[in-house]
C-alpha cells in the first residue's frame, strides 16, 4: 500500500500492548523509541477492553500471575487482554479464542475517534 507522507503534523502511532498488559506496560516498553521520535511522533495507548486474571493451574505464560516488576510497571492499572484463550490446541494450531470480535470493534472505534492513525 502506498500512502502520502505525513506533512504538517506529527506521525500518529497506535501502540497496542500485549496480553496480559496495559498502556503503562507498553509505555515502559516503548520508552527508548518514544524518546528517539519525540519530536516527530504522537503516541496513542489504548487499554484492551477485556479483563484479565491468572488461570489457576495453567502452565501457559500469558495465564500466569504477573511478576513483581510487571506489577510495578503497571502502576496500579489492571492487566487487561485483547482476547481469551478458552481452549489450548496442540502447538497453538487449534486454539479457540473469545473476545476477538469485541476487541476488533473496540480498536476500530478507537482509530475512528483518534484519526488519523498512521502506524500500528
Protein backbone atom coordinates (compact mmCIF):
# COMPACT_ATOMS: atom_id res chain seq x y z
CA UNK A 1 0.00 0.00 0.00
CA UNK A 2 1.30 3.40 -0.91
CA UNK A 3 0.49 6.37 1.30
CA UNK A 4 1.35 10.03 1.03
CA UNK A 5 3.99 11.18 3.52
CA UNK A 6 2.79 12.80 6.73
CA UNK A 7 3.31 16.55 6.43
CA UNK A 8 2.41 19.46 8.69
CA UNK A 9 1.84 17.34 11.79
CA UNK A 10 3.42 14.63 13.89
CA UNK A 11 3.20 10.99 12.89
CA UNK A 12 0.47 9.28 14.95
CA UNK A 13 1.43 5.84 16.26
CA UNK A 14 -1.04 3.38 17.78
CA UNK A 15 0.84 1.22 20.28
CA UNK A 16 -1.11 -1.96 21.05
CA UNK A 17 0.05 -3.74 24.20
CA UNK A 18 0.36 -7.49 24.57
CA UNK A 19 -1.67 -9.84 26.71
CA UNK A 20 -1.81 -9.52 29.65
CA UNK A 21 -0.65 -5.94 29.96
CA UNK A 22 -1.94 -2.37 29.85
CA UNK A 23 -0.99 1.03 28.50
CA UNK A 24 1.57 1.65 31.26
CA UNK A 25 3.41 -1.55 30.35
CA UNK A 26 3.72 -0.65 26.67
CA UNK A 27 4.71 2.91 27.54
CA UNK A 28 7.58 1.41 29.51
CA UNK A 29 8.44 -0.97 26.66
CA UNK A 30 8.41 1.78 24.02
CA UNK A 31 10.23 4.39 26.08
CA UNK A 32 13.51 4.30 24.09
CA UNK A 33 11.68 4.57 20.75
CA UNK A 34 9.40 7.33 22.04
CA UNK A 35 12.47 9.26 23.23
CA UNK A 36 14.06 8.87 19.80
CA UNK A 37 10.89 10.01 17.98
CA UNK A 38 9.63 12.59 20.49
CA UNK A 39 9.74 15.49 18.02
CA UNK A 40 8.26 13.52 15.12
CA UNK A 41 5.56 11.32 16.68
CA UNK A 42 2.48 11.36 18.84
CA UNK A 43 1.68 8.06 20.55
CA UNK A 44 -1.74 6.54 21.28
CA UNK A 45 -2.03 3.89 24.01
CA UNK A 46 -5.42 2.18 24.30
CA UNK A 47 -6.11 -0.38 27.00
CA UNK A 48 -7.68 -3.65 25.86
CA UNK A 49 -11.38 -3.99 26.69
CA UNK A 50 -11.28 -7.45 28.31
CA UNK A 51 -10.39 -8.04 31.96
CA UNK A 52 -7.56 -10.46 32.71
CA UNK A 53 -6.85 -12.73 35.67
CA UNK A 54 -4.36 -15.56 36.10
CA UNK A 55 -5.67 -19.06 35.44
CA UNK A 56 -5.17 -21.47 38.34
CA UNK A 57 -3.08 -24.48 37.34
CA UNK A 58 -2.22 -23.18 33.87
CA UNK A 59 1.30 -23.62 32.54
CA UNK A 60 0.85 -21.02 29.77
CA UNK A 61 2.94 -17.87 30.38
CA UNK A 62 0.12 -15.47 29.50
CA UNK A 63 -2.07 -17.11 32.13
CA UNK A 64 0.48 -16.95 34.97
CA UNK A 65 0.42 -14.32 37.72
CA UNK A 66 2.36 -11.22 36.73
CA UNK A 67 5.83 -10.67 38.21
CA UNK A 68 6.55 -8.02 40.84
CA UNK A 69 8.35 -5.99 38.15
CA UNK A 70 5.35 -6.10 35.82
CA UNK A 71 3.04 -5.08 38.66
CA UNK A 72 5.30 -2.09 39.46
CA UNK A 73 5.46 -1.07 35.80
CA UNK A 74 1.64 -1.30 35.55
CA UNK A 75 1.43 1.39 38.27
CA UNK A 76 -1.84 0.16 39.73
CA UNK A 77 -3.67 -0.22 36.41
CA UNK A 78 -5.35 -3.61 35.98
CA UNK A 79 -3.92 -6.06 33.50
CA UNK A 80 -6.20 -6.50 30.51
CA UNK A 81 -6.28 -8.58 27.35
CA UNK A 82 -7.41 -8.42 23.73
CA UNK A 83 -8.78 -12.00 23.70
CA UNK A 84 -9.13 -15.04 25.95
CA UNK A 85 -7.78 -18.45 25.02
CA UNK A 86 -10.55 -20.85 26.07
CA UNK A 87 -9.01 -23.98 24.50
CA UNK A 88 -5.28 -24.53 24.02
CA UNK A 89 -4.65 -26.66 20.95
CA UNK A 90 -1.54 -28.62 20.05
CA UNK A 91 1.28 -26.12 19.44
CA UNK A 92 -1.30 -23.30 19.33
CA UNK A 93 -2.65 -24.52 16.00
CA UNK A 94 -6.10 -25.35 17.31
CA UNK A 95 -6.52 -22.67 19.97
CA UNK A 96 -10.02 -21.34 20.49
CA UNK A 97 -10.32 -17.67 21.40
CA UNK A 98 -13.14 -15.47 22.59
CA UNK A 99 -13.36 -11.71 22.64
CA UNK A 100 -11.57 -11.20 19.31
CA UNK A 101 -14.54 -9.53 17.61
CA UNK A 102 -15.16 -7.29 20.64
CA UNK A 103 -11.52 -6.16 20.67
CA UNK A 104 -11.50 -5.65 16.91
CA UNK A 105 -14.60 -3.44 17.21
CA UNK A 106 -13.00 -1.57 20.10
CA UNK A 107 -9.85 -0.84 18.07
CA UNK A 108 -11.85 0.21 15.00
CA UNK A 109 -13.86 2.69 17.11
CA UNK A 110 -10.69 3.91 18.80
CA UNK A 111 -8.99 4.54 15.45
CA UNK A 112 -12.06 6.31 14.06
CA UNK A 113 -12.25 8.54 17.15
CA UNK A 114 -8.50 9.25 17.22
CA UNK A 115 -7.98 9.56 13.45
CA UNK A 116 -5.67 9.94 11.77
CA UNK A 117 -3.61 6.93 12.81
CA UNK A 118 -0.54 6.45 10.63
CA UNK A 119 1.23 3.47 12.20
CA UNK A 120 0.07 0.49 14.25
